[in-house]
N, C-alpha and C. Protein backbone atom coordinates (compact mmCIF):
# COMPACT_ATOMS: atom_id res chain seq x y z
N MET A 1 107.36 90.02 131.12
CA MET A 1 107.95 89.66 132.25
C MET A 1 107.12 89.59 133.62
N LYS A 2 107.13 88.68 134.25
CA LYS A 2 106.14 88.39 135.38
C LYS A 2 106.73 88.84 136.66
N VAL A 3 106.52 90.00 137.54
CA VAL A 3 106.69 90.20 138.61
C VAL A 3 105.81 89.85 139.88
N SER A 4 106.41 89.07 140.81
CA SER A 4 105.59 88.65 141.76
C SER A 4 106.02 89.00 143.27
N GLY A 5 105.27 88.83 144.24
CA GLY A 5 105.87 88.87 145.64
C GLY A 5 106.10 90.33 146.25
N MET A 6 106.63 90.55 147.28
CA MET A 6 106.91 91.90 147.65
C MET A 6 107.64 92.60 146.86
N ILE A 7 108.82 92.07 146.52
CA ILE A 7 109.65 92.72 145.60
C ILE A 7 109.09 93.19 144.47
N GLY A 8 108.38 92.51 143.90
CA GLY A 8 107.61 93.07 142.35
C GLY A 8 106.80 94.25 142.89
N GLY A 9 105.97 94.02 144.24
CA GLY A 9 105.18 95.12 144.35
C GLY A 9 105.87 96.54 144.82
N ALA A 10 106.90 96.28 145.45
CA ALA A 10 107.58 97.40 145.77
C ALA A 10 108.25 97.94 144.48
N LEU A 11 108.84 97.24 143.47
CA LEU A 11 108.95 97.76 142.20
C LEU A 11 107.83 98.67 141.37
N LEU A 12 106.76 98.06 141.69
CA LEU A 12 105.62 98.79 140.80
C LEU A 12 105.30 100.09 141.28
N LEU A 13 105.53 99.92 142.69
CA LEU A 13 105.29 101.40 143.41
C LEU A 13 106.39 102.31 143.28
N ALA A 14 107.54 101.85 143.18
CA ALA A 14 108.58 102.98 142.78
C ALA A 14 108.59 103.26 141.29
N LEU A 15 107.76 102.65 140.43
CA LEU A 15 107.92 103.26 138.95
C LEU A 15 106.43 103.42 138.77
N PRO A 16 105.71 104.66 139.36
CA PRO A 16 104.33 105.09 138.90
C PRO A 16 103.97 105.30 137.73
N ALA A 17 105.06 105.85 136.73
CA ALA A 17 104.76 106.23 135.51
C ALA A 17 105.22 105.32 134.43
N LEU A 18 105.00 104.01 134.70
CA LEU A 18 105.09 103.20 133.58
C LEU A 18 104.13 103.24 132.52
N PRO A 19 104.31 103.01 131.26
CA PRO A 19 103.16 103.07 130.18
C PRO A 19 102.17 102.06 130.28
N ALA A 20 100.96 102.62 130.22
CA ALA A 20 99.66 101.64 130.03
C ALA A 20 99.62 101.27 128.61
N MET A 21 99.55 100.12 128.27
CA MET A 21 99.32 99.84 127.04
C MET A 21 97.76 99.21 126.72
N ALA A 22 97.09 99.92 126.33
CA ALA A 22 95.59 99.54 125.61
C ALA A 22 95.95 99.35 124.22
N GLU A 23 94.87 98.52 123.65
CA GLU A 23 95.18 98.31 122.18
C GLU A 23 94.90 99.82 121.54
N GLY A 24 96.07 99.97 120.75
CA GLY A 24 96.26 101.05 120.07
C GLY A 24 96.40 102.48 121.05
N LEU A 25 96.96 102.25 122.13
CA LEU A 25 97.01 103.58 123.02
C LEU A 25 98.17 103.16 123.93
N VAL A 26 99.15 104.07 124.09
CA VAL A 26 100.21 104.03 125.06
C VAL A 26 100.09 105.33 125.99
N SER A 27 100.01 105.14 127.18
CA SER A 27 99.82 106.52 128.13
C SER A 27 100.75 106.32 129.31
N TYR A 28 100.70 107.23 130.01
CA TYR A 28 101.42 107.54 131.36
C TYR A 28 100.70 108.31 132.12
N THR A 29 100.48 107.77 133.44
CA THR A 29 99.71 108.38 134.44
C THR A 29 100.78 109.05 135.44
N THR A 30 100.59 110.37 135.92
CA THR A 30 101.28 111.19 136.88
C THR A 30 100.35 111.86 137.74
N GLN A 31 101.01 112.15 139.02
CA GLN A 31 100.57 112.91 140.06
C GLN A 31 100.56 114.51 139.58
N GLU A 32 101.30 115.00 138.90
CA GLU A 32 101.59 116.14 138.23
C GLU A 32 100.27 116.82 137.73
N SER A 33 100.11 118.13 138.21
CA SER A 33 98.97 118.87 137.68
C SER A 33 98.83 118.97 136.03
N PHE A 34 97.54 119.13 135.75
CA PHE A 34 97.15 119.13 134.31
C PHE A 34 98.15 120.31 133.75
N GLU A 35 98.20 121.44 134.12
CA GLU A 35 98.88 122.59 133.81
C GLU A 35 100.47 122.14 133.76
N ASP A 36 100.96 121.38 134.67
CA ASP A 36 102.32 121.28 134.90
C ASP A 36 102.60 120.34 133.52
N VAL A 37 101.87 119.30 133.33
CA VAL A 37 101.89 118.38 132.16
C VAL A 37 102.05 119.12 130.86
N VAL A 38 101.04 119.85 130.58
CA VAL A 38 100.89 120.58 129.65
C VAL A 38 102.27 121.70 129.27
N PHE A 39 102.38 122.26 130.20
CA PHE A 39 103.63 123.10 130.24
C PHE A 39 104.86 122.10 129.47
N GLY A 40 105.12 121.07 130.26
CA GLY A 40 106.11 120.22 130.16
C GLY A 40 105.92 119.65 128.55
N LEU A 41 104.79 119.29 128.16
CA LEU A 41 104.65 118.86 126.81
C LEU A 41 104.80 119.83 125.72
N GLU A 42 104.56 121.17 125.86
CA GLU A 42 104.57 122.18 124.98
C GLU A 42 106.27 122.32 125.11
N ASN A 43 107.00 122.27 125.98
CA ASN A 43 108.26 122.26 125.88
C ASN A 43 109.14 121.26 125.33
N ALA A 44 108.73 120.19 125.53
CA ALA A 44 109.18 118.92 124.95
C ALA A 44 108.93 118.86 123.41
N ILE A 45 107.91 119.50 122.79
CA ILE A 45 107.82 119.40 121.58
C ILE A 45 108.82 120.55 120.82
N ILE A 46 108.77 121.71 121.53
CA ILE A 46 109.49 122.71 121.13
C ILE A 46 111.05 122.26 121.10
N ASP A 47 111.49 121.48 122.13
CA ASP A 47 112.82 121.11 122.42
C ASP A 47 113.20 119.84 121.20
N GLU A 48 112.30 119.33 120.71
CA GLU A 48 112.33 118.34 119.59
C GLU A 48 112.75 119.42 118.21
N GLY A 49 112.50 120.56 118.47
CA GLY A 49 112.70 121.34 117.22
C GLY A 49 111.26 121.43 116.11
N LEU A 50 110.16 121.00 117.00
CA LEU A 50 109.06 120.93 116.16
C LEU A 50 108.21 122.17 116.59
N VAL A 51 107.02 122.44 116.00
CA VAL A 51 105.98 123.28 116.10
C VAL A 51 104.43 122.83 116.49
N ILE A 52 104.05 123.19 117.25
CA ILE A 52 102.64 122.88 117.50
C ILE A 52 101.58 123.53 116.36
N ASP A 53 100.96 122.43 115.76
CA ASP A 53 100.04 123.23 114.59
C ASP A 53 98.86 123.48 115.32
N ALA A 54 98.13 122.81 116.36
CA ALA A 54 96.94 122.96 116.59
C ALA A 54 96.89 122.40 118.12
N THR A 55 95.92 123.11 118.86
CA THR A 55 95.53 122.37 120.24
C THR A 55 94.16 122.44 120.22
N SER A 56 93.58 121.13 120.50
CA SER A 56 92.14 120.85 120.65
C SER A 56 91.67 120.80 121.93
N HIS A 57 90.97 121.67 122.35
CA HIS A 57 90.31 121.58 123.85
C HIS A 57 89.05 120.60 123.80
N VAL A 58 89.46 119.43 123.94
CA VAL A 58 88.17 118.32 123.87
C VAL A 58 87.64 118.32 125.07
N GLY A 59 88.38 118.40 126.10
CA GLY A 59 87.39 118.37 127.39
C GLY A 59 86.36 119.87 127.52
N GLU A 60 86.98 120.96 127.19
CA GLU A 60 85.89 121.98 127.02
C GLU A 60 84.83 121.73 126.05
N MET A 61 85.19 121.27 124.89
CA MET A 61 84.10 120.88 123.96
C MET A 61 82.87 119.92 124.58
N LEU A 62 83.63 118.80 125.12
CA LEU A 62 82.63 118.07 125.74
C LEU A 62 81.90 118.68 126.60
N ALA A 63 82.31 119.43 127.54
CA ALA A 63 81.74 120.25 128.83
C ALA A 63 80.56 121.05 128.23
N ARG A 64 80.87 121.90 127.26
CA ARG A 64 80.11 122.68 126.65
C ARG A 64 78.74 122.21 125.78
N THR A 65 79.13 121.09 125.58
CA THR A 65 77.91 120.47 124.66
C THR A 65 77.20 119.19 125.25
N ARG A 66 77.54 119.02 126.63
CA ARG A 66 77.01 117.89 127.34
C ARG A 66 75.54 118.06 127.25
N ALA A 67 74.93 119.26 127.66
CA ALA A 67 73.48 119.40 128.00
C ALA A 67 72.87 119.33 126.52
N ASP A 68 73.47 120.00 125.35
CA ASP A 68 73.07 119.81 124.12
C ASP A 68 72.66 118.43 123.60
N VAL A 69 73.64 117.39 124.07
CA VAL A 69 73.43 116.04 123.25
C VAL A 69 72.62 115.21 124.45
N GLY A 70 72.08 115.83 125.63
CA GLY A 70 71.25 115.17 126.32
C GLY A 70 72.16 114.22 127.29
N SER A 71 73.18 114.80 127.91
CA SER A 71 74.21 113.95 128.87
C SER A 71 74.22 114.87 129.99
N ASP A 72 74.45 114.09 131.26
CA ASP A 72 74.80 115.04 132.38
C ASP A 72 76.13 114.39 132.81
N VAL A 73 76.95 113.56 132.13
CA VAL A 73 77.90 112.85 132.32
C VAL A 73 79.27 113.73 132.44
N GLU A 74 79.97 113.96 133.23
CA GLU A 74 81.36 114.73 133.21
C GLU A 74 82.39 113.88 133.03
N ILE A 75 82.93 113.74 131.86
CA ILE A 75 84.08 112.61 131.35
C ILE A 75 85.27 113.28 131.87
N PHE A 76 85.65 114.76 131.74
CA PHE A 76 87.16 115.04 131.90
C PHE A 76 86.86 116.35 132.72
N LYS A 77 87.95 116.34 133.52
CA LYS A 77 88.01 117.71 134.38
C LYS A 77 88.94 118.86 133.57
N ALA A 78 89.70 118.22 132.64
CA ALA A 78 90.57 118.81 131.52
C ALA A 78 90.95 118.06 130.73
N ALA A 79 91.07 118.41 129.46
CA ALA A 79 91.75 117.42 128.18
C ALA A 79 91.88 118.24 126.98
N ASP A 80 93.01 118.16 126.55
CA ASP A 80 93.44 118.79 125.30
C ASP A 80 94.34 117.67 124.54
N VAL A 81 94.43 118.26 123.09
CA VAL A 81 95.11 117.17 122.21
C VAL A 81 96.11 118.22 121.47
N TYR A 82 97.38 117.79 121.49
CA TYR A 82 98.40 118.56 120.88
C TYR A 82 98.56 118.03 119.38
N SER A 83 98.55 118.68 118.62
CA SER A 83 98.82 118.19 117.05
C SER A 83 100.12 118.78 116.53
N PHE A 84 101.09 118.23 115.93
CA PHE A 84 102.28 118.57 115.36
C PHE A 84 102.91 117.59 114.48
N CYS A 85 103.99 118.21 113.69
CA CYS A 85 104.60 117.08 112.59
C CYS A 85 106.09 117.41 112.67
N SER A 86 106.78 116.41 112.10
CA SER A 86 108.08 116.47 111.73
C SER A 86 108.24 116.39 110.49
N ALA A 87 108.54 117.54 109.46
CA ALA A 87 108.83 117.53 108.22
C ALA A 87 109.81 116.05 107.80
N ALA A 88 111.00 116.14 108.52
CA ALA A 88 111.96 114.89 108.12
C ALA A 88 111.43 113.67 108.59
N LEU A 89 110.74 113.54 109.51
CA LEU A 89 110.46 112.25 109.80
C LEU A 89 109.09 111.94 109.12
N SER A 90 108.30 112.90 109.05
CA SER A 90 107.08 112.59 107.97
C SER A 90 107.44 112.11 106.55
N ARG A 91 108.31 112.70 105.75
CA ARG A 91 108.92 112.47 104.66
C ARG A 91 109.67 111.19 104.87
N LYS A 92 110.25 110.72 105.71
CA LYS A 92 110.83 109.33 105.72
C LYS A 92 109.79 108.46 105.62
N VAL A 93 108.67 108.36 106.41
CA VAL A 93 107.85 107.48 106.86
C VAL A 93 106.82 107.45 105.57
N MET A 94 106.62 108.61 104.94
CA MET A 94 105.85 108.57 103.60
C MET A 94 106.48 108.12 102.41
N GLU A 95 107.84 108.33 102.31
CA GLU A 95 108.61 107.68 101.16
C GLU A 95 108.53 106.00 101.32
N ALA A 96 108.25 105.75 102.58
CA ALA A 96 108.57 104.37 102.67
C ALA A 96 107.18 103.77 102.31
N ASP A 97 105.93 104.60 102.61
CA ASP A 97 104.69 104.30 102.40
C ASP A 97 103.97 105.36 102.34
N PRO A 98 103.43 105.86 101.03
CA PRO A 98 102.75 107.06 100.85
C PRO A 98 101.41 107.22 101.71
N MET A 99 100.98 105.96 102.14
CA MET A 99 99.54 105.86 102.86
C MET A 99 99.73 106.11 104.26
N ASN A 100 100.98 106.27 104.62
CA ASN A 100 101.54 106.95 105.93
C ASN A 100 100.73 108.27 106.47
N ILE A 101 100.60 108.92 105.20
CA ILE A 101 99.82 110.00 105.29
C ILE A 101 98.58 110.32 106.19
N ARG A 102 97.99 108.85 106.52
CA ARG A 102 96.87 108.72 107.44
C ARG A 102 97.24 109.05 108.91
N PHE A 103 98.51 109.09 109.22
CA PHE A 103 98.83 109.17 110.58
C PHE A 103 99.38 110.82 110.83
N CYS A 104 99.35 111.63 109.89
CA CYS A 104 99.68 112.77 110.01
C CYS A 104 98.74 114.12 110.15
N PRO A 105 98.72 114.90 111.30
CA PRO A 105 99.88 115.10 112.15
C PRO A 105 99.78 114.07 113.24
N TYR A 106 100.79 114.22 114.17
CA TYR A 106 100.74 113.35 115.03
C TYR A 106 100.12 114.00 116.38
N ASP A 107 99.70 113.26 117.29
CA ASP A 107 98.81 113.93 118.60
C ASP A 107 99.31 113.20 119.76
N ILE A 108 99.31 114.28 120.75
CA ILE A 108 99.63 113.73 121.97
C ILE A 108 98.45 114.35 122.90
N PHE A 109 97.80 113.55 123.67
CA PHE A 109 96.81 113.97 124.66
C PHE A 109 97.30 114.06 125.94
N VAL A 110 96.81 115.08 126.79
CA VAL A 110 96.81 115.30 128.17
C VAL A 110 95.50 115.42 128.74
N ALA A 111 95.20 114.73 129.76
CA ALA A 111 93.91 114.51 130.29
C ALA A 111 93.65 114.40 131.79
N VAL A 112 92.65 114.90 132.39
CA VAL A 112 92.36 114.56 133.82
C VAL A 112 90.90 114.04 133.76
N LYS A 113 90.69 112.72 134.21
CA LYS A 113 89.46 112.01 134.00
C LYS A 113 88.76 112.69 135.31
N ALA A 114 87.44 112.96 135.03
CA ALA A 114 86.32 113.24 136.29
C ALA A 114 86.44 112.48 137.34
N ASP A 115 86.72 110.96 137.05
CA ASP A 115 86.68 110.05 138.17
C ASP A 115 87.97 109.68 138.87
N MET A 116 89.17 110.51 138.19
CA MET A 116 90.34 110.28 138.76
C MET A 116 91.07 111.71 138.96
N PRO A 117 90.52 112.79 139.49
CA PRO A 117 91.08 114.03 139.34
C PRO A 117 92.41 114.30 139.99
N GLU A 118 93.00 113.15 140.66
CA GLU A 118 94.38 113.47 141.26
C GLU A 118 95.39 112.81 140.27
N GLU A 119 94.74 112.49 139.24
CA GLU A 119 96.00 111.91 138.28
C GLU A 119 95.91 112.47 136.92
N THR A 120 96.92 112.77 136.27
CA THR A 120 97.06 113.58 134.78
C THR A 120 97.52 112.20 133.85
N VAL A 121 96.91 112.11 132.96
CA VAL A 121 97.19 111.11 131.83
C VAL A 121 97.85 111.95 130.56
N ILE A 122 99.00 111.25 130.03
CA ILE A 122 99.37 111.87 128.90
C ILE A 122 99.65 110.76 127.90
N GLY A 123 99.41 110.66 126.65
CA GLY A 123 99.55 109.32 125.65
C GLY A 123 99.43 110.06 124.34
N TYR A 124 99.32 108.67 123.61
CA TYR A 124 99.22 108.91 122.23
C TYR A 124 98.79 107.71 121.56
N ARG A 125 98.22 107.58 120.38
CA ARG A 125 98.02 106.23 119.68
C ARG A 125 99.14 105.39 119.14
N ALA A 126 99.06 104.19 119.50
CA ALA A 126 100.28 103.43 118.99
C ALA A 126 100.17 103.12 117.47
N PHE A 127 101.27 102.90 116.73
CA PHE A 127 101.36 102.91 115.35
C PHE A 127 101.56 101.50 114.90
N PRO A 128 101.38 101.17 113.77
CA PRO A 128 101.65 99.72 113.32
C PRO A 128 103.19 99.53 113.10
N ASP A 129 103.41 98.44 112.93
CA ASP A 129 104.85 97.85 112.85
C ASP A 129 105.47 98.28 111.43
N GLY A 130 106.88 98.72 111.58
CA GLY A 130 107.14 99.15 110.32
C GLY A 130 107.60 100.58 110.58
N PRO A 131 107.90 101.26 109.49
CA PRO A 131 108.35 102.79 109.82
C PRO A 131 107.85 103.55 110.57
N MET A 132 106.33 103.43 110.94
CA MET A 132 105.72 104.42 111.95
C MET A 132 106.34 104.09 113.35
N LYS A 133 106.91 103.11 113.50
CA LYS A 133 107.60 102.90 114.97
C LYS A 133 108.43 103.82 115.38
N GLU A 134 109.15 104.53 114.25
CA GLU A 134 109.95 105.77 114.49
C GLU A 134 109.40 106.81 114.99
N VAL A 135 108.39 107.28 114.43
CA VAL A 135 107.22 108.06 114.87
C VAL A 135 106.74 107.89 116.25
N GLU A 136 106.29 106.84 116.46
CA GLU A 136 105.96 106.27 118.01
C GLU A 136 107.09 106.43 119.06
N ALA A 137 108.55 106.25 118.58
CA ALA A 137 109.43 106.48 119.46
C ALA A 137 109.57 107.92 119.66
N LEU A 138 109.39 108.90 118.90
CA LEU A 138 109.40 110.19 119.01
C LEU A 138 108.31 110.80 119.78
N LEU A 139 107.10 109.97 119.67
CA LEU A 139 106.16 110.48 120.50
C LEU A 139 106.30 110.09 122.16
N ASP A 140 106.81 108.92 122.21
CA ASP A 140 107.33 108.14 123.31
C ASP A 140 108.00 109.30 124.11
N ARG A 141 109.18 109.70 123.37
CA ARG A 141 110.36 110.38 123.80
C ARG A 141 109.71 112.02 124.39
N ILE A 142 108.78 112.47 123.60
CA ILE A 142 108.29 113.74 124.11
C ILE A 142 107.29 113.56 124.95
N ALA A 143 106.40 112.60 125.15
CA ALA A 143 105.45 112.28 126.37
C ALA A 143 106.11 111.92 127.71
N ARG A 144 107.13 111.11 127.38
CA ARG A 144 108.27 110.96 128.86
C ARG A 144 108.89 112.15 129.37
N SER A 145 109.61 112.96 128.26
CA SER A 145 110.14 114.17 128.75
C SER A 145 109.01 115.20 129.34
N ALA A 146 107.76 115.20 128.98
CA ALA A 146 106.90 116.20 129.32
C ALA A 146 106.54 115.92 131.02
N ILE A 147 106.71 114.57 131.34
CA ILE A 147 106.54 114.41 132.77
C ILE A 147 107.59 113.93 133.36
N GLY A 148 108.96 114.39 132.97
CA GLY A 148 110.19 114.14 133.61
C GLY A 148 110.68 112.84 133.65
N MET A 149 110.24 111.95 132.61
CA MET A 149 110.84 110.74 132.71
C MET A 149 111.91 110.51 131.68
N ASP A 150 112.74 111.57 131.19
CA ASP A 150 113.60 111.62 130.13
C ASP A 150 115.06 111.50 130.88
């Protein structure tokens, strides 16, 4: 859909949390703080009846190892990846294709990029067409709920 002119610009300003679709990635940007988005994400996962299996503190790891690998670049102010699974949905997609195991567990990241500290990004990897699109819909519902877009 092509939107142009002043009406299109006004629509874009009114919808600041539209998904960004880079190849293999779906993400939403919000002005909410990192902590608020993380709190929303944790609750959205629990509200789906799921359990967080692991939290990877990617931002802390990159900051801690920056000098060790010879870099002085700050990538994130904060960045975590939340991993979880749905037994029912995982069984469904793996009964359709056992090699869908490669996508489990499912991950959603929350990050504040160092060069954009006023924005928090939440997102997940896109999945291939077929049964995994149902998992992608779950991740989208959770991500949108985390930032109040439900």
